[in-house]
């Protein structure tokens, strides 16, 4: 190789070493920036239009198949009613969502990125899933205000609790919840002296203080008076859109008031789904649940 060629080669190598490659200066390796977003840890990503997603979920207890290839999804802000005969798997499904029961197989996602099967029950609650059981659980020796104050989403450490003082934002939030749950006139009332329906509202308020994204409510109007049931329907319709709600209930008149889509479970899987009129007209639902 002649000296001229060697010198020319050295110049070309040096040129390529310092010159940027056209189009490669971006963090995406030269590709144009896209419109996708990076999901943050613990953030509920609902860009795909679903806040809860179950697919092919199975659970067996001593050979009994409580959940059988269950697939179900709920949209953000949706109020979904779940009905079905006793033993259909409604409570077990909620146990799976909240981490109380682990399925034998299947997929359970909160949003697009949070695999609930990787989390324990307390962690799932912190992610933004609140659950209310049929029987109300409140601190009966405390006032309505004190119950809601205890439920605030704050540091529960010993030192933080001893030094805790409501700030203006927390006070406003507490006042807002009191109004929402129809207990603004009972702030100083001892919770044990509330009616059954009022205790249910208080417990729902305690869940709301945690700012949940998804609420699971198990027979919330059981044992309520007609007036309390009507006010509970108003409450749920107020929450709809701000939160996603899954309501397990047997009261058909209540369901008619609040529901858009009703899912019927039977033998651990979805038997039918649609408006209340549609599922009530379904022969399979009539046969196994409604009766003739």
C-alpha atoms as a PDB file:
ATOM      1  CA  UNK A   1       0.000   0.000   0.000  1.00  0.00           C
ATOM      2  CA  UNK A   2       1.446   3.388  -1.015  1.00  0.00           C
ATOM      3  CA  UNK A   3       1.965   6.164   1.557  1.00  0.00           C
ATOM      4  CA  UNK A   4      -0.733   8.251  -0.173  1.00  0.00           C
ATOM      5  CA  UNK A   5      -3.353   5.518   0.243  1.00  0.00           C
ATOM      6  CA  UNK A   6      -2.352   4.954   3.876  1.00  0.00           C
ATOM      7  CA  UNK A   7      -2.671   8.665   4.636  1.00  0.00           C
ATOM      8  CA  UNK A   8      -6.067   8.822   2.904  1.00  0.00           C
ATOM      9  CA  UNK A   9      -7.317   5.842   4.937  1.00  0.00           C
ATOM     10  CA  UNK A  10      -6.225   7.408   8.217  1.00  0.00           C
ATOM     11  CA  UNK A  11      -8.096  10.605   7.328  1.00  0.00           C
ATOM     12  CA  UNK A  12     -11.305   8.678   6.579  1.00  0.00           C
ATOM     13  CA  UNK A  13     -11.097   6.762   9.902  1.00  0.00           C
ATOM     14  CA  UNK A  14     -10.540   9.986  11.815  1.00  0.00           C
ATOM     15  CA  UNK A  15     -13.438  11.670  10.018  1.00  0.00           C
ATOM     16  CA  UNK A  16     -15.885   8.880  10.908  1.00  0.00           C
ATOM     17  CA  UNK A  17     -14.676   8.804  14.503  1.00  0.00           C
ATOM     18  CA  UNK A  18     -15.592  12.435  15.216  1.00  0.00           C
ATOM     19  CA  UNK A  19     -18.507  13.082  12.903  1.00  0.00           C
ATOM     20  CA  UNK A  20     -21.967  12.240  14.297  1.00  0.00           C
ATOM     21  CA  UNK A  21     -24.002   9.789  12.302  1.00  0.00           C
ATOM     22  CA  UNK A  22     -26.981  11.573  10.800  1.00  0.00           C
ATOM     23  CA  UNK A  23     -30.187  10.670  12.613  1.00  0.00           C
ATOM     24  CA  UNK A  24     -28.480   8.799  15.475  1.00  0.00           C
ATOM     25  CA  UNK A  25     -28.346  11.626  18.018  1.00  0.00           C
ATOM     26  CA  UNK A  26     -31.656  10.747  19.666  1.00  0.00           C
ATOM     27  CA  UNK A  27     -32.024   8.627  22.786  1.00  0.00           C
ATOM     28  CA  UNK A  28     -34.074   6.150  20.779  1.00  0.00           C
ATOM     29  CA  UNK A  29     -31.089   5.154  18.650  1.00  0.00           C
ATOM     30  CA  UNK A  30     -31.881   7.399  15.710  1.00  0.00           C
ATOM     31  CA  UNK A  31     -35.569   6.573  15.528  1.00  0.00           C
ATOM     32  CA  UNK A  32     -38.110   9.357  15.558  1.00  0.00           C
ATOM     33  CA  UNK A  33     -39.696  10.051  18.934  1.00  0.00           C
ATOM     34  CA  UNK A  34     -42.996   8.229  19.372  1.00  0.00           C
ATOM     35  CA  UNK A  35     -46.100   9.043  21.376  1.00  0.00           C
ATOM     36  CA  UNK A  36     -45.869   6.144  23.821  1.00  0.00           C
ATOM     37  CA  UNK A  37     -45.456   6.896  27.531  1.00  0.00           C
ATOM     38  CA  UNK A  38     -43.278   5.305  30.169  1.00  0.00           C
ATOM     39  CA  UNK A  39     -45.361   3.811  32.961  1.00  0.00           C
ATOM     40  CA  UNK A  40     -44.168   4.817  36.410  1.00  0.00           C
ATOM     41  CA  UNK A  41     -43.789   2.188  39.130  1.00  0.00           C
ATOM     42  CA  UNK A  42     -47.100   1.715  40.963  1.00  0.00           C
ATOM     43  CA  UNK A  43     -48.981   3.981  38.552  1.00  0.00           C
ATOM     44  CA  UNK A  44     -52.242   2.628  37.155  1.00  0.00           C
ATOM     45  CA  UNK A  45     -51.963   2.843  33.379  1.00  0.00           C
ATOM     46  CA  UNK A  46     -55.444   2.946  31.824  1.00  0.00           C
ATOM     47  CA  UNK A  47     -54.412   4.118  28.368  1.00  0.00           C
ATOM     48  CA  UNK A  48     -55.799   0.879  26.928  1.00  0.00           C
ATOM     49  CA  UNK A  49     -59.238   1.635  28.349  1.00  0.00           C
ATOM     50  CA  UNK A  50     -59.322  -0.970  31.129  1.00  0.00           C
ATOM     51  CA  UNK A  51     -58.642  -0.552  34.839  1.00  0.00           C
ATOM     52  CA  UNK A  52     -59.236  -4.201  35.767  1.00  0.00           C
ATOM     53  CA  UNK A  53     -58.531  -7.225  33.602  1.00  0.00           C
ATOM     54  CA  UNK A  54     -58.981 -10.892  34.467  1.00  0.00           C
ATOM     55  CA  UNK A  55     -58.310 -13.626  31.917  1.00  0.00           C
ATOM     56  CA  UNK A  56     -58.718 -17.416  32.208  1.00  0.00           C
ATOM     57  CA  UNK A  57     -58.581 -17.349  36.006  1.00  0.00           C
ATOM     58  CA  UNK A  58     -59.014 -20.658  37.843  1.00  0.00           C
ATOM     59  CA  UNK A  59     -59.252 -21.458  41.550  1.00  0.00           C
ATOM     60  CA  UNK A  60     -59.929 -24.838  43.150  1.00  0.00           C
ATOM     61  CA  UNK A  61     -60.544 -25.649  46.816  1.00  0.00           C
ATOM     62  CA  UNK A  62     -60.095 -29.338  47.673  1.00  0.00           C
ATOM     63  CA  UNK A  63     -61.126 -30.368  44.187  1.00  0.00           C
ATOM     64  CA  UNK A  64     -64.067 -27.913  43.992  1.00  0.00           C
ATOM     65  CA  UNK A  65     -63.620 -25.421  41.145  1.00  0.00           C
ATOM     66  CA  UNK A  66     -64.740 -22.117  42.644  1.00  0.00           C
ATOM     67  CA  UNK A  67     -63.518 -20.074  39.659  1.00  0.00           C
ATOM     68  CA  UNK A  68     -63.560 -21.659  36.219  1.00  0.00           C
ATOM     69  CA  UNK A  69     -61.767 -19.901  33.339  1.00  0.00           C
ATOM     70  CA  UNK A  70     -63.131 -16.543  34.455  1.00  0.00           C
ATOM     71  CA  UNK A  71     -62.482 -13.615  32.105  1.00  0.00           C
ATOM     72  CA  UNK A  72     -63.726 -10.125  32.954  1.00  0.00           C
ATOM     73  CA  UNK A  73     -62.687  -6.515  32.384  1.00  0.00           C
ATOM     74  CA  UNK A  74     -63.858  -3.143  33.699  1.00  0.00           C
ATOM     75  CA  UNK A  75     -63.342   0.312  32.207  1.00  0.00           C
ATOM     76  CA  UNK A  76     -62.085   3.347  34.160  1.00  0.00           C
ATOM     77  CA  UNK A  77     -64.980   5.131  35.872  1.00  0.00           C
ATOM     78  CA  UNK A  78     -67.393   2.270  35.169  1.00  0.00           C
ATOM     79  CA  UNK A  79     -69.989   1.042  37.659  1.00  0.00           C
ATOM     80  CA  UNK A  80     -70.316  -2.710  37.062  1.00  0.00           C
ATOM     81  CA  UNK A  81     -72.909  -4.815  38.861  1.00  0.00           C
ATOM     82  CA  UNK A  82     -72.222  -8.494  39.508  1.00  0.00           C
ATOM     83  CA  UNK A  83     -75.102 -10.873  40.178  1.00  0.00           C
ATOM     84  CA  UNK A  84     -75.477 -14.622  40.414  1.00  0.00           C
ATOM     85  CA  UNK A  85     -76.620 -17.461  42.652  1.00  0.00           C
ATOM     86  CA  UNK A  86     -74.917 -18.317  45.930  1.00  0.00           C
ATOM     87  CA  UNK A  87     -71.706 -20.214  45.225  1.00  0.00           C
ATOM     88  CA  UNK A  88     -71.264 -18.577  41.816  1.00  0.00           C
ATOM     89  CA  UNK A  89     -67.778 -17.301  42.729  1.00  0.00           C
ATOM     90  CA  UNK A  90     -68.542 -13.628  43.372  1.00  0.00           C
ATOM     91  CA  UNK A  91     -66.747 -13.400  46.722  1.00  0.00           C
ATOM     92  CA  UNK A  92     -63.867 -15.577  45.543  1.00  0.00           C
ATOM     93  CA  UNK A  93     -63.381 -13.274  42.559  1.00  0.00           C
ATOM     94  CA  UNK A  94     -63.066 -10.292  44.920  1.00  0.00           C
ATOM     95  CA  UNK A  95     -60.667 -12.300  47.091  1.00  0.00           C
ATOM     96  CA  UNK A  96     -58.464 -12.846  44.035  1.00  0.00           C
ATOM     97  CA  UNK A  97     -58.490  -9.171  43.044  1.00  0.00           C
ATOM     98  CA  UNK A  98     -57.510  -8.055  46.552  1.00  0.00           C
ATOM     99  CA  UNK A  99     -54.818 -10.696  47.020  1.00  0.00           C
ATOM    100  CA  UNK A 100     -56.612 -12.698  49.709  1.00  0.00           C
ATOM    101  CA  UNK A 101     -56.783 -15.772  47.451  1.00  0.00           C
ATOM    102  CA  UNK A 102     -54.177 -16.823  44.894  1.00  0.00           C
ATOM    103  CA  UNK A 103     -55.514 -18.401  41.698  1.00  0.00           C
ATOM    104  CA  UNK A 104     -54.156 -21.683  40.377  1.00  0.00           C
ATOM    105  CA  UNK A 105     -53.791 -20.107  36.953  1.00  0.00           C
ATOM    106  CA  UNK A 106     -54.768 -17.037  34.963  1.00  0.00           C
ATOM    107  CA  UNK A 107     -53.976 -13.350  34.634  1.00  0.00           C
ATOM    108  CA  UNK A 108     -55.136 -10.469  36.859  1.00  0.00           C
ATOM    109  CA  UNK A 109     -54.030  -6.941  35.941  1.00  0.00           C
ATOM    110  CA  UNK A 110     -54.777  -3.554  37.485  1.00  0.00           C
ATOM    111  CA  UNK A 111     -54.464  -1.248  34.520  1.00  0.00           C
ATOM    112  CA  UNK A 112     -52.109  -2.338  31.757  1.00  0.00           C
ATOM    113  CA  UNK A 113     -48.940  -2.795  33.770  1.00  0.00           C
ATOM    114  CA  UNK A 114     -49.678  -3.863  37.372  1.00  0.00           C
ATOM    115  CA  UNK A 115     -49.794  -7.628  37.751  1.00  0.00           C
ATOM    116  CA  UNK A 116     -51.836  -8.070  40.946  1.00  0.00           C
ATOM    117  CA  UNK A 117     -50.621 -11.637  41.381  1.00  0.00           C
ATOM    118  CA  UNK A 118     -47.191 -10.238  42.263  1.00  0.00           C
ATOM    119  CA  UNK A 119     -48.519  -8.264  45.227  1.00  0.00           C
ATOM    120  CA  UNK A 120     -49.700  -9.057  48.743  1.00  0.00           C
ATOM    121  CA  UNK A 121     -53.032  -7.959  50.179  1.00  0.00           C
ATOM    122  CA  UNK A 122     -51.800  -4.785  51.990  1.00  0.00           C
ATOM    123  CA  UNK A 123     -49.790  -3.738  48.929  1.00  0.00           C
ATOM    124  CA  UNK A 124     -52.831  -4.093  46.678  1.00  0.00           C
ATOM    125  CA  UNK A 125     -54.822  -1.824  49.001  1.00  0.00           C
ATOM    126  CA  UNK A 126     -52.043   0.771  48.758  1.00  0.00           C
ATOM    127  CA  UNK A 127     -52.112   0.538  44.961  1.00  0.00           C
ATOM    128  CA  UNK A 128     -55.655   1.926  45.013  1.00  0.00           C
ATOM    129  CA  UNK A 129     -58.118  -0.962  45.387  1.00  0.00           C
ATOM    130  CA  UNK A 130     -60.593  -0.611  48.248  1.00  0.00           C
ATOM    131  CA  UNK A 131     -62.918  -3.366  49.410  1.00  0.00           C
ATOM    132  CA  UNK A 132     -66.059  -3.194  51.518  1.00  0.00           C
ATOM    133  CA  UNK A 133     -67.548  -6.343  53.002  1.00  0.00           C
ATOM    134  CA  UNK A 134     -71.261  -6.855  53.622  1.00  0.00           C
ATOM    135  CA  UNK A 135     -71.063  -6.149  57.356  1.00  0.00           C
ATOM    136  CA  UNK A 136     -69.947  -2.582  58.138  1.00  0.00           C
ATOM    137  CA  UNK A 137     -66.675  -2.270  60.043  1.00  0.00           C
ATOM    138  CA  UNK A 138     -66.258   1.067  61.801  1.00  0.00           C
ATOM    139  CA  UNK A 139     -64.778   2.147  65.143  1.00  0.00           C
ATOM    140  CA  UNK A 140     -68.040   2.410  67.070  1.00  0.00           C
ATOM    141  CA  UNK A 141     -66.550   4.216  70.098  1.00  0.00           C
ATOM    142  CA  UNK A 142     -65.247   7.026  67.899  1.00  0.00           C
ATOM    143  CA  UNK A 143     -67.182   9.811  66.218  1.00  0.00           C
ATOM    144  CA  UNK A 144     -67.908   9.959  62.509  1.00  0.00           C
ATOM    145  CA  UNK A 145     -65.223  12.636  62.137  1.00  0.00           C
ATOM    146  CA  UNK A 146     -62.628  10.583  64.017  1.00  0.00           C
ATOM    147  CA  UNK A 147     -63.295   7.497  61.881  1.00  0.00           C
ATOM    148  CA  UNK A 148     -62.703   9.469  58.703  1.00  0.00           C
ATOM    149  CA  UNK A 149     -59.644  11.195  60.174  1.00  0.00           C
ATOM    150  CA  UNK A 150     -58.113   7.811  61.027  1.00  0.00           C
ATOM    151  CA  UNK A 151     -58.695   6.655  57.457  1.00  0.00           C
ATOM    152  CA  UNK A 152     -56.746   9.541  55.924  1.00  0.00           C
ATOM    153  CA  UNK A 153     -53.970   8.507  53.584  1.00  0.00           C
ATOM    154  CA  UNK A 154     -51.055   9.568  55.809  1.00  0.00           C
ATOM    155  CA  UNK A 155     -47.923   8.204  57.469  1.00  0.00           C
ATOM    156  CA  UNK A 156     -49.156   5.821  60.185  1.00  0.00           C
ATOM    157  CA  UNK A 157     -45.855   5.661  62.059  1.00  0.00           C
ATOM    158  CA  UNK A 158     -45.885   6.282  65.823  1.00  0.00           C
ATOM    159  CA  UNK A 159     -44.103   9.634  65.741  1.00  0.00           C
ATOM    160  CA  UNK A 160     -46.033  10.889  62.712  1.00  0.00           C
ATOM    161  CA  UNK A 161     -49.341   9.880  64.314  1.00  0.00           C
ATOM    162  CA  UNK A 162     -48.502  11.636  67.601  1.00  0.00           C
ATOM    163  CA  UNK A 163     -47.573  14.861  65.824  1.00  0.00           C
ATOM    164  CA  UNK A 164     -50.339  14.676  63.214  1.00  0.00           C
ATOM    165  CA  UNK A 165     -52.478  17.735  62.597  1.00  0.00           C
ATOM    166  CA  UNK A 166     -55.001  18.250  59.819  1.00  0.00           C
ATOM    167  CA  UNK A 167     -53.906  20.717  57.166  1.00  0.00           C
ATOM    168  CA  UNK A 168     -56.344  22.779  55.118  1.00  0.00           C
ATOM    169  CA  UNK A 169     -56.346  20.401  52.136  1.00  0.00           C
ATOM    170  CA  UNK A 170     -57.100  17.422  54.396  1.00  0.00           C
ATOM    171  CA  UNK A 171     -59.857  19.352  56.163  1.00  0.00           C
ATOM    172  CA  UNK A 172     -61.433  20.226  52.827  1.00  0.00           C
ATOM    173  CA  UNK A 173     -61.199  16.605  51.701  1.00  0.00           C
ATOM    174  CA  UNK A 174     -62.820  15.403  54.915  1.00  0.00           C
ATOM    175  CA  UNK A 175     -65.663  17.919  54.565  1.00  0.00           C
ATOM    176  CA  UNK A 176     -66.182  16.840  50.949  1.00  0.00           C
ATOM    177  CA  UNK A 177     -66.426  13.159  51.924  1.00  0.00           C
ATOM    178  CA  UNK A 178     -68.851  13.936  54.768  1.00  0.00           C
ATOM    179  CA  UNK A 179     -71.144  15.646  52.290  1.00  0.00           C
ATOM    180  CA  UNK A 180     -70.789  12.854  49.727  1.00  0.00           C
ATOM    181  CA  UNK A 181     -71.752  10.092  52.193  1.00  0.00           C
ATOM    182  CA  UNK A 182     -74.731  12.046  53.617  1.00  0.00           C
ATOM    183  CA  UNK A 183     -73.212  12.396  57.094  1.00  0.00           C
ATOM    184  CA  UNK A 184     -72.360  16.109  57.188  1.00  0.00           C
ATOM    185  CA  UNK A 185     -74.968  16.590  59.938  1.00  0.00           C
ATOM    186  CA  UNK A 186     -73.537  13.762  62.074  1.00  0.00           C
ATOM    187  CA  UNK A 187     -69.879  14.818  62.390  1.00  0.00           C
ATOM    188  CA  UNK A 188     -69.697  14.556  66.195  1.00  0.00           C
ATOM    189  CA  UNK A 189     -72.056  11.611  66.535  1.00  0.00           C
ATOM    190  CA  UNK A 190     -70.642   8.395  67.995  1.00  0.00           C
ATOM    191  CA  UNK A 191     -70.460   5.839  65.189  1.00  0.00           C
ATOM    192  CA  UNK A 192     -72.047   3.101  67.287  1.00  0.00           C
ATOM    193  CA  UNK A 193     -75.232   5.165  67.422  1.00  0.00           C
ATOM    194  CA  UNK A 194     -75.606   5.374  63.646  1.00  0.00           C
ATOM    195  CA  UNK A 195     -78.197   3.329  61.786  1.00  0.00           C
ATOM    196  CA  UNK A 196     -77.081   0.309  59.771  1.00  0.00           C
ATOM    197  CA  UNK A 197     -77.242   2.270  56.524  1.00  0.00           C
ATOM    198  CA  UNK A 198     -75.297   5.191  57.979  1.00  0.00           C
ATOM    199  CA  UNK A 199     -72.564   2.827  59.162  1.00  0.00           C
ATOM    200  CA  UNK A 200     -72.341   1.486  55.612  1.00  0.00           C
ATOM    201  CA  UNK A 201     -71.947   5.026  54.286  1.00  0.00           C
ATOM    202  CA  UNK A 202     -69.294   5.790  56.899  1.00  0.00           C
ATOM    203  CA  UNK A 203     -67.252   2.758  55.914  1.00  0.00           C
ATOM    204  CA  UNK A 204     -67.530   3.763  52.244  1.00  0.00           C
ATOM    205  CA  UNK A 205     -66.339   7.222  53.297  1.00  0.00           C
ATOM    206  CA  UNK A 206     -63.355   5.672  55.082  1.00  0.00           C
ATOM    207  CA  UNK A 207     -62.435   3.902  51.853  1.00  0.00           C
ATOM    208  CA  UNK A 208     -62.824   7.140  49.897  1.00  0.00           C
ATOM    209  CA  UNK A 209     -60.396   8.879  52.250  1.00  0.00           C
ATOM    210  CA  UNK A 210     -57.744   6.543  50.794  1.00  0.00           C
ATOM    211  CA  UNK A 211     -58.560   7.884  47.301  1.00  0.00           C
ATOM    212  CA  UNK A 212     -59.050   4.443  45.704  1.00  0.00           C
ATOM    213  CA  UNK A 213     -59.215   4.015  41.951  1.00  0.00           C
ATOM    214  CA  UNK A 214     -61.299   0.831  42.194  1.00  0.00           C
ATOM    215  CA  UNK A 215     -63.952   0.034  44.810  1.00  0.00           C
ATOM    216  CA  UNK A 216     -65.235  -3.496  45.413  1.00  0.00           C
ATOM    217  CA  UNK A 217     -68.564  -3.448  47.269  1.00  0.00           C
ATOM    218  CA  UNK A 218     -70.193  -6.633  48.549  1.00  0.00           C
ATOM    219  CA  UNK A 219     -73.994  -6.370  49.003  1.00  0.00           C
ATOM    220  CA  UNK A 220     -73.829  -2.747  50.187  1.00  0.00           C
ATOM    221  CA  UNK A 221     -77.613  -2.245  50.605  1.00  0.00           C
ATOM    222  CA  UNK A 222     -78.391  -5.499  52.429  1.00  0.00           C
ATOM    223  CA  UNK A 223     -80.400  -4.662  55.555  1.00  0.00           C
ATOM    224  CA  UNK A 224     -81.029  -1.035  54.571  1.00  0.00           C
ATOM    225  CA  UNK A 225     -84.375   0.736  54.645  1.00  0.00           C
ATOM    226  CA  UNK A 226     -85.920   1.825  51.346  1.00  0.00           C
ATOM    227  CA  UNK A 227     -84.841   5.410  51.980  1.00  0.00           C
ATOM    228  CA  UNK A 228     -81.281   4.395  52.793  1.00  0.00           C
ATOM    229  CA  UNK A 229     -81.165   2.213  49.679  1.00  0.00           C
ATOM    230  CA  UNK A 230     -82.277   5.141  47.516  1.00  0.00           C
ATOM    231  CA  UNK A 231     -79.636   7.424  49.045  1.00  0.00           C
ATOM    232  CA  UNK A 232     -76.981   4.755  48.536  1.00  0.00           C
ATOM    233  CA  UNK A 233     -77.921   4.638  44.851  1.00  0.00           C
ATOM    234  CA  UNK A 234     -77.427   8.414  44.721  1.00  0.00           C
ATOM    235  CA  UNK A 235     -74.045   8.002  46.401  1.00  0.00           C
ATOM    236  CA  UNK A 236     -72.856   5.380  43.909  1.00  0.00           C
ATOM    237  CA  UNK A 237     -73.983   7.431  40.930  1.00  0.00           C
ATOM    238  CA  UNK A 238     -72.010  10.364  42.373  1.00  0.00           C
ATOM    239  CA  UNK A 239     -68.887   8.191  42.651  1.00  0.00           C
ATOM    240  CA  UNK A 240     -69.285   6.769  39.141  1.00  0.00           C
ATOM    241  CA  UNK A 241     -66.796   8.366  36.767  1.00  0.00           C
ATOM    242  CA  UNK A 242     -64.532   9.505  39.605  1.00  0.00           C
ATOM    243  CA  UNK A 243     -63.859   5.913  40.660  1.00  0.00           C
ATOM    244  CA  UNK A 244     -64.438   2.489  39.136  1.00  0.00           C
ATOM    245  CA  UNK A 245     -66.944   0.415  41.109  1.00  0.00           C
ATOM    246  CA  UNK A 246     -67.694  -3.308  41.175  1.00  0.00           C
ATOM    247  CA  UNK A 247     -70.935  -3.914  43.078  1.00  0.00           C
ATOM    248  CA  UNK A 248     -72.090  -7.403  44.064  1.00  0.00           C
ATOM    249  CA  UNK A 249     -75.791  -7.213  44.859  1.00  0.00           C
ATOM    250  CA  UNK A 250     -79.061  -9.197  44.804  1.00  0.00           C
ATOM    251  CA  UNK A 251     -81.501  -6.261  45.000  1.00  0.00           C
ATOM    252  CA  UNK A 252     -82.737  -5.970  41.409  1.00  0.00           C
ATOM    253  CA  UNK A 253     -84.489  -2.631  41.879  1.00  0.00           C
ATOM    254  CA  UNK A 254     -81.265  -1.163  43.260  1.00  0.00           C
ATOM    255  CA  UNK A 255     -79.285  -2.630  40.362  1.00  0.00           C
ATOM    256  CA  UNK A 256     -81.739  -1.155  37.861  1.00  0.00           C
ATOM    257  CA  UNK A 257     -81.191   2.286  39.372  1.00  0.00           C
ATOM    258  CA  UNK A 258     -77.388   2.272  39.196  1.00  0.00           C
ATOM    259  CA  UNK A 259     -76.302  -0.161  36.484  1.00  0.00           C
ATOM    260  CA  UNK A 260     -75.352   0.083  32.840  1.00  0.00           C
ATOM    261  CA  UNK A 261     -73.703  -3.307  32.415  1.00  0.00           C
ATOM    262  CA  UNK A 262     -74.573  -6.323  34.554  1.00  0.00           C
ATOM    263  CA  UNK A 263     -72.394  -9.433  34.661  1.00  0.00           C
ATOM    264  CA  UNK A 264     -73.933 -12.727  35.727  1.00  0.00           C
ATOM    265  CA  UNK A 265     -71.617 -15.297  37.318  1.00  0.00           C
ATOM    266  CA  UNK A 266     -72.464 -18.975  37.621  1.00  0.00           C
ATOM    267  CA  UNK A 267     -70.204 -21.895  38.527  1.00  0.00           C
ATOM    268  CA  UNK A 268     -67.184 -19.613  38.623  1.00  0.00           C
ATOM    269  CA  UNK A 269     -67.454 -18.119  35.135  1.00  0.00           C
ATOM    270  CA  UNK A 270     -69.403 -15.462  33.231  1.00  0.00           C
ATOM    271  CA  UNK A 271     -72.804 -16.805  32.235  1.00  0.00           C
ATOM    272  CA  UNK A 272     -74.203 -13.629  30.661  1.00  0.00           C
ATOM    273  CA  UNK A 273     -73.481  -9.932  30.373  1.00  0.00           C
ATOM    274  CA  UNK A 274     -75.426  -6.898  29.178  1.00  0.00           C
ATOM    275  CA  UNK A 275     -78.060  -4.477  30.400  1.00  0.00           C
ATOM    276  CA  UNK A 276     -80.297  -5.634  33.234  1.00  0.00           C
ATOM    277  CA  UNK A 277     -83.184  -6.168  30.806  1.00  0.00           C
ATOM    278  CA  UNK A 278     -80.959  -8.268  28.548  1.00  0.00           C
ATOM    279  CA  UNK A 279     -79.699 -10.554  31.298  1.00  0.00           C
ATOM    280  CA  UNK A 280     -83.166 -10.889  32.846  1.00  0.00           C
ATOM    281  CA  UNK A 281     -84.454 -12.085  29.474  1.00  0.00           C
ATOM    282  CA  UNK A 282     -81.663 -14.651  29.101  1.00  0.00           C
ATOM    283  CA  UNK A 283     -83.069 -18.159  29.504  1.00  0.00           C
ATOM    284  CA  UNK A 284     -79.883 -19.411  31.153  1.00  0.00           C
ATOM    285  CA  UNK A 285     -80.051 -16.671  33.800  1.00  0.00           C
ATOM    286  CA  UNK A 286     -83.731 -17.384  34.426  1.00  0.00           C
ATOM    287  CA  UNK A 287     -82.947 -21.062  34.842  1.00  0.00           C
ATOM    288  CA  UNK A 288     -80.055 -20.812  37.305  1.00  0.00           C
ATOM    289  CA  UNK A 289     -80.775 -17.572  39.172  1.00  0.00           C
ATOM    290  CA  UNK A 290     -83.962 -15.599  38.618  1.00  0.00           C
ATOM    291  CA  UNK A 291     -86.464 -18.443  38.364  1.00  0.00           C
ATOM    292  CA  UNK A 292     -89.759 -18.325  36.526  1.00  0.00           C
END
